[in-house]
Amino acid sequence: MTVLEIILVIAIIALIAFFLYYFFRGSGGRISVSRPMESRVDMYLDRRFDLLMEEYSLITKPKLRAFKAEKEPDLSEEEGKAEGLKKFRDEMTATLAEMEKKLDVLEAESQAD
């Protein structure tokens, strides 16, 4: 190996190490590789949520706990409805695709006659 090849290999290894460090530094395993900046902001806000609430006097902890306890069932119900709608959308998309295939077959048969 020449000196230039050795320098190139070291540079590539350093670059890979930098990217790995950038994506996974300080993460709790929730950093998304596809959207690293947004997931970092989300992690920061999650960690500092209580401090931000106190700093800006937005809501007290007992009120927050009461709000969460009150709204959690509603949110769970809405999430269930959203999942049902997603399932319906997927089923409807599959049905429409099948109908289009059948229509193509019928059109081909009518043109052949």
N, C-alpha and C. Protein backbone atom coordinates (compact mmCIF):
# COMPACT_ATOMS: atom_id res chain seq x y z
N MET A 1 0.84 -1.19 0.00
CA MET A 1 0.00 0.00 0.00
C MET A 1 0.88 1.24 0.00
N THR A 2 0.45 2.16 -0.79
CA THR A 2 1.18 3.42 -0.84
C THR A 2 0.69 4.33 0.28
N VAL A 3 1.42 5.39 0.50
CA VAL A 3 1.07 6.36 1.54
C VAL A 3 -0.28 7.00 1.23
N LEU A 4 -0.54 7.27 -0.03
CA LEU A 4 -1.81 7.88 -0.42
C LEU A 4 -2.99 6.95 -0.12
N GLU A 5 -2.82 5.65 -0.37
CA GLU A 5 -3.88 4.69 -0.07
C GLU A 5 -4.13 4.60 1.44
N ILE A 6 -3.07 4.62 2.22
CA ILE A 6 -3.22 4.57 3.68
C ILE A 6 -3.96 5.79 4.18
N ILE A 7 -3.62 6.96 3.67
CA ILE A 7 -4.29 8.20 4.07
C ILE A 7 -5.76 8.15 3.67
N LEU A 8 -6.05 7.63 2.50
CA LEU A 8 -7.43 7.51 2.03
C LEU A 8 -8.24 6.56 2.92
N VAL A 9 -7.66 5.43 3.29
CA VAL A 9 -8.34 4.47 4.16
C VAL A 9 -8.62 5.11 5.53
N ILE A 10 -7.63 5.81 6.07
CA ILE A 10 -7.81 6.48 7.37
C ILE A 10 -8.90 7.54 7.27
N ALA A 11 -8.91 8.29 6.18
CA ALA A 11 -9.94 9.32 6.00
C ALA A 11 -11.33 8.70 5.92
N ILE A 12 -11.45 7.60 5.21
CA ILE A 12 -12.76 6.92 5.09
C ILE A 12 -13.21 6.40 6.45
N ILE A 13 -12.30 5.79 7.20
CA ILE A 13 -12.65 5.29 8.54
C ILE A 13 -13.04 6.45 9.46
N ALA A 14 -12.32 7.56 9.38
CA ALA A 14 -12.66 8.72 10.20
C ALA A 14 -14.02 9.27 9.82
N LEU A 15 -14.32 9.30 8.54
CA LEU A 15 -15.62 9.79 8.08
C LEU A 15 -16.76 8.89 8.58
N ILE A 16 -16.57 7.60 8.48
CA ILE A 16 -17.59 6.66 8.98
C ILE A 16 -17.76 6.82 10.49
N ALA A 17 -16.66 6.94 11.21
CA ALA A 17 -16.74 7.13 12.66
C ALA A 17 -17.47 8.43 13.00
N PHE A 18 -17.20 9.49 12.25
CA PHE A 18 -17.88 10.77 12.48
C PHE A 18 -19.37 10.62 12.29
N PHE A 19 -19.82 9.97 11.19
CA PHE A 19 -21.25 9.79 10.96
C PHE A 19 -21.89 8.95 12.05
N LEU A 20 -21.22 7.88 12.46
CA LEU A 20 -21.77 7.05 13.54
C LEU A 20 -21.89 7.86 14.82
N TYR A 21 -20.87 8.63 15.13
CA TYR A 21 -20.91 9.47 16.32
C TYR A 21 -22.03 10.50 16.20
N TYR A 22 -22.17 11.14 15.08
CA TYR A 22 -23.19 12.17 14.88
C TYR A 22 -24.59 11.61 15.06
N PHE A 23 -24.84 10.44 14.49
CA PHE A 23 -26.19 9.87 14.56
C PHE A 23 -26.53 9.30 15.92
N PHE A 24 -25.54 8.80 16.65
CA PHE A 24 -25.86 8.07 17.88
C PHE A 24 -25.36 8.73 19.15
N ARG A 25 -24.80 9.91 19.09
CA ARG A 25 -24.29 10.52 20.32
C ARG A 25 -25.44 10.94 21.21
N GLY A 26 -25.32 10.62 22.44
CA GLY A 26 -26.30 11.02 23.43
C GLY A 26 -27.68 10.46 23.20
N SER A 27 -27.79 9.44 22.40
CA SER A 27 -29.13 8.94 22.09
C SER A 27 -29.55 7.89 23.10
N GLY A 28 -30.83 7.82 23.27
CA GLY A 28 -31.39 6.77 24.09
C GLY A 28 -31.91 5.66 23.20
N GLY A 29 -31.42 5.59 21.98
CA GLY A 29 -31.87 4.59 21.05
C GLY A 29 -33.05 5.04 20.21
N ARG A 30 -33.42 6.33 20.33
CA ARG A 30 -34.58 6.81 19.60
C ARG A 30 -34.22 7.76 18.48
N ILE A 31 -32.94 7.94 18.19
CA ILE A 31 -32.53 8.81 17.11
C ILE A 31 -32.85 8.13 15.79
N SER A 32 -33.59 8.80 14.95
CA SER A 32 -33.96 8.25 13.66
C SER A 32 -32.89 8.61 12.63
N VAL A 33 -32.41 7.62 11.92
CA VAL A 33 -31.37 7.87 10.92
C VAL A 33 -31.95 8.66 9.75
N SER A 34 -33.23 8.45 9.45
CA SER A 34 -33.83 9.14 8.31
C SER A 34 -34.14 10.61 8.63
N ARG A 35 -34.33 10.94 9.90
CA ARG A 35 -34.59 12.33 10.28
C ARG A 35 -33.88 12.63 11.60
N PRO A 36 -32.55 12.72 11.57
CA PRO A 36 -31.79 12.86 12.82
C PRO A 36 -32.05 14.17 13.55
N MET A 37 -32.20 15.27 12.82
CA MET A 37 -32.36 16.56 13.50
C MET A 37 -33.70 16.63 14.23
N GLU A 38 -34.77 16.20 13.57
CA GLU A 38 -36.08 16.26 14.20
C GLU A 38 -36.14 15.36 15.42
N SER A 39 -35.54 14.18 15.33
CA SER A 39 -35.59 13.27 16.46
C SER A 39 -34.75 13.79 17.62
N ARG A 40 -33.67 14.52 17.31
CA ARG A 40 -32.87 15.12 18.38
C ARG A 40 -33.67 16.22 19.09
N VAL A 41 -34.38 17.02 18.33
CA VAL A 41 -35.20 18.08 18.93
C VAL A 41 -36.29 17.45 19.79
N ASP A 42 -36.90 16.40 19.29
CA ASP A 42 -37.93 15.69 20.07
C ASP A 42 -37.35 15.16 21.38
N MET A 43 -36.17 14.55 21.29
CA MET A 43 -35.53 14.02 22.50
C MET A 43 -35.23 15.14 23.49
N TYR A 44 -34.72 16.27 22.99
CA TYR A 44 -34.40 17.40 23.86
C TYR A 44 -35.65 17.89 24.56
N LEU A 45 -36.72 18.07 23.81
CA LEU A 45 -37.96 18.55 24.41
C LEU A 45 -38.53 17.55 25.41
N ASP A 46 -38.41 16.27 25.11
CA ASP A 46 -38.88 15.25 26.05
C ASP A 46 -38.11 15.31 27.37
N ARG A 47 -36.79 15.48 27.26
CA ARG A 47 -35.97 15.53 28.47
C ARG A 47 -36.22 16.80 29.28
N ARG A 48 -36.45 17.91 28.61
CA ARG A 48 -36.56 19.20 29.29
C ARG A 48 -38.00 19.67 29.47
N PHE A 49 -38.98 18.81 29.23
CA PHE A 49 -40.38 19.21 29.27
C PHE A 49 -40.76 19.79 30.62
N ASP A 50 -40.43 19.09 31.71
CA ASP A 50 -40.80 19.57 33.04
C ASP A 50 -40.15 20.92 33.34
N LEU A 51 -38.87 21.05 32.99
CA LEU A 51 -38.18 22.32 33.25
C LEU A 51 -38.79 23.46 32.43
N LEU A 52 -39.15 23.20 31.18
CA LEU A 52 -39.77 24.23 30.36
C LEU A 52 -41.12 24.65 30.92
N MET A 53 -41.88 23.69 31.42
CA MET A 53 -43.19 24.00 32.01
C MET A 53 -43.02 24.90 33.24
N GLU A 54 -42.06 24.55 34.08
CA GLU A 54 -41.83 25.36 35.28
C GLU A 54 -41.27 26.74 34.92
N GLU A 55 -40.34 26.78 33.99
CA GLU A 55 -39.70 28.03 33.62
C GLU A 55 -40.70 29.04 33.07
N TYR A 56 -41.60 28.58 32.24
CA TYR A 56 -42.55 29.49 31.63
C TYR A 56 -43.90 29.50 32.35
N SER A 57 -43.98 28.80 33.47
CA SER A 57 -45.19 28.75 34.30
C SER A 57 -46.42 28.42 33.47
N LEU A 58 -46.30 27.43 32.63
CA LEU A 58 -47.40 27.05 31.76
C LEU A 58 -48.45 26.23 32.49
N ILE A 59 -48.00 25.27 33.29
CA ILE A 59 -48.94 24.41 34.00
C ILE A 59 -48.20 23.75 35.16
N THR A 60 -48.92 23.47 36.21
CA THR A 60 -48.29 22.80 37.35
C THR A 60 -48.35 21.29 37.14
N LYS A 61 -47.49 20.58 37.84
CA LYS A 61 -47.44 19.12 37.68
C LYS A 61 -48.75 18.44 38.07
N PRO A 62 -49.40 18.83 39.17
CA PRO A 62 -50.68 18.17 39.48
C PRO A 62 -51.73 18.40 38.39
N LYS A 63 -51.79 19.60 37.84
CA LYS A 63 -52.74 19.87 36.76
C LYS A 63 -52.39 19.05 35.52
N LEU A 64 -51.11 18.93 35.24
CA LEU A 64 -50.68 18.14 34.10
C LEU A 64 -51.05 16.68 34.27
N ARG A 65 -50.81 16.13 35.47
CA ARG A 65 -51.18 14.73 35.73
C ARG A 65 -52.69 14.54 35.61
N ALA A 66 -53.46 15.49 36.12
CA ALA A 66 -54.91 15.38 36.02
C ALA A 66 -55.36 15.45 34.56
N PHE A 67 -54.75 16.34 33.80
CA PHE A 67 -55.08 16.45 32.37
C PHE A 67 -54.76 15.15 31.64
N LYS A 68 -53.57 14.59 31.92
CA LYS A 68 -53.18 13.33 31.27
C LYS A 68 -54.15 12.22 31.64
N ALA A 69 -54.50 12.13 32.92
CA ALA A 69 -55.41 11.08 33.37
C ALA A 69 -56.78 11.24 32.72
N GLU A 70 -57.21 12.48 32.52
CA GLU A 70 -58.52 12.74 31.92
C GLU A 70 -58.52 12.45 30.43
N LYS A 71 -57.47 12.83 29.74
CA LYS A 71 -57.45 12.75 28.28
C LYS A 71 -56.86 11.46 27.72
N GLU A 72 -56.16 10.70 28.53
CA GLU A 72 -55.51 9.48 28.03
C GLU A 72 -56.50 8.49 27.41
N PRO A 73 -57.65 8.22 28.05
CA PRO A 73 -58.59 7.29 27.40
C PRO A 73 -59.10 7.81 26.06
N ASP A 74 -59.37 9.11 26.00
CA ASP A 74 -59.84 9.69 24.74
C ASP A 74 -58.78 9.56 23.65
N LEU A 75 -57.54 9.83 24.01
CA LEU A 75 -56.46 9.72 23.02
C LEU A 75 -56.28 8.27 22.56
N SER A 76 -56.38 7.34 23.48
CA SER A 76 -56.26 5.92 23.10
C SER A 76 -57.38 5.52 22.17
N GLU A 77 -58.59 6.01 22.46
CA GLU A 77 -59.74 5.70 21.60
C GLU A 77 -59.54 6.29 20.20
N GLU A 78 -59.06 7.51 20.13
CA GLU A 78 -58.82 8.15 18.83
C GLU A 78 -57.73 7.44 18.05
N GLU A 79 -56.69 6.99 18.74
CA GLU A 79 -55.63 6.25 18.07
C GLU A 79 -56.18 4.94 17.50
N GLY A 80 -57.08 4.30 18.25
CA GLY A 80 -57.71 3.08 17.75
C GLY A 80 -58.55 3.35 16.51
N LYS A 81 -59.26 4.48 16.52
CA LYS A 81 -60.06 4.84 15.35
C LYS A 81 -59.16 5.11 14.14
N ALA A 82 -58.05 5.79 14.40
CA ALA A 82 -57.11 6.09 13.30
C ALA A 82 -56.55 4.80 12.72
N GLU A 83 -56.23 3.84 13.57
CA GLU A 83 -55.73 2.55 13.07
C GLU A 83 -56.79 1.86 12.23
N GLY A 84 -58.05 1.93 12.69
CA GLY A 84 -59.14 1.33 11.92
C GLY A 84 -59.29 1.98 10.55
N LEU A 85 -59.16 3.31 10.53
CA LEU A 85 -59.25 4.02 9.25
C LEU A 85 -58.09 3.65 8.32
N LYS A 86 -56.91 3.49 8.88
CA LYS A 86 -55.76 3.10 8.06
C LYS A 86 -55.98 1.70 7.47
N LYS A 87 -56.52 0.80 8.30
CA LYS A 87 -56.80 -0.55 7.82
C LYS A 87 -57.84 -0.51 6.71
N PHE A 88 -58.90 0.30 6.90
CA PHE A 88 -59.94 0.44 5.88
C PHE A 88 -59.36 1.00 4.59
N ARG A 89 -58.48 2.00 4.71
CA ARG A 89 -57.85 2.59 3.52
C ARG A 89 -57.05 1.54 2.77
N ASP A 90 -56.27 0.74 3.50
CA ASP A 90 -55.46 -0.29 2.85
C ASP A 90 -56.34 -1.33 2.17
N GLU A 91 -57.42 -1.74 2.85
CA GLU A 91 -58.33 -2.70 2.24
C GLU A 91 -59.00 -2.12 1.00
N MET A 92 -59.40 -0.86 1.07
CA MET A 92 -60.06 -0.22 -0.06
C MET A 92 -59.09 -0.06 -1.23
N THR A 93 -57.85 0.26 -0.95
CA THR A 93 -56.85 0.38 -2.00
C THR A 93 -56.65 -0.97 -2.70
N ALA A 94 -56.60 -2.03 -1.91
CA ALA A 94 -56.45 -3.37 -2.50
C ALA A 94 -57.67 -3.73 -3.34
N THR A 95 -58.86 -3.40 -2.84
CA THR A 95 -60.09 -3.69 -3.59
C THR A 95 -60.12 -2.92 -4.90
N LEU A 96 -59.75 -1.66 -4.85
CA LEU A 96 -59.73 -0.86 -6.07
C LEU A 96 -58.71 -1.38 -7.07
N ALA A 97 -57.57 -1.83 -6.59
CA ALA A 97 -56.56 -2.40 -7.49
C ALA A 97 -57.10 -3.65 -8.17
N GLU A 98 -57.81 -4.49 -7.39
CA GLU A 98 -58.39 -5.70 -7.98
C GLU A 98 -59.46 -5.33 -9.02
N MET A 99 -60.27 -4.33 -8.71
CA MET A 99 -61.32 -3.92 -9.65
C MET A 99 -60.71 -3.35 -10.93
N GLU A 100 -59.61 -2.62 -10.81
CA GLU A 100 -58.95 -2.09 -12.00
C GLU A 100 -58.40 -3.22 -12.87
N LYS A 101 -57.86 -4.25 -12.22
CA LYS A 101 -57.37 -5.39 -12.99
C LYS A 101 -58.51 -6.06 -13.74
N LYS A 102 -59.64 -6.25 -13.05
CA LYS A 102 -60.81 -6.87 -13.70
C LYS A 102 -61.31 -6.00 -14.85
N LEU A 103 -61.31 -4.68 -14.65
CA LEU A 103 -61.74 -3.76 -15.69
C LEU A 103 -60.82 -3.84 -16.90
N ASP A 104 -59.51 -3.94 -16.64
CA ASP A 104 -58.55 -4.08 -17.74
C ASP A 104 -58.81 -5.35 -18.53
N VAL A 105 -59.12 -6.44 -17.82
CA VAL A 105 -59.41 -7.71 -18.50
C VAL A 105 -60.67 -7.56 -19.34
N LEU A 106 -61.71 -6.94 -18.80
CA LEU A 106 -62.95 -6.75 -19.55
C LEU A 106 -62.73 -5.87 -20.77
N GLU A 107 -61.94 -4.81 -20.63
CA GLU A 107 -61.64 -3.93 -21.77
C GLU A 107 -60.87 -4.70 -22.84
N ALA A 108 -59.93 -5.51 -22.42
CA ALA A 108 -59.15 -6.28 -23.37
C ALA A 108 -60.05 -7.29 -24.11
N GLU A 109 -60.98 -7.91 -23.39
CA GLU A 109 -61.91 -8.86 -24.01
C GLU A 109 -62.85 -8.17 -24.99
N SER A 110 -63.31 -6.96 -24.61
CA SER A 110 -64.24 -6.25 -25.49
C SER A 110 -63.53 -5.75 -26.75
N GLN A 111 -62.26 -5.41 -26.65
CA GLN A 111 -61.51 -4.97 -27.83
C GLN A 111 -61.16 -6.14 -28.73
N ALA A 112 -60.98 -7.31 -28.11
CA ALA A 112 -60.65 -8.49 -28.89
C ALA A 112 -61.84 -8.97 -29.71
N ASP A 113 -63.03 -8.70 -29.25
CA ASP A 113 -64.23 -9.14 -29.98
C ASP A 113 -64.51 -8.27 -31.12
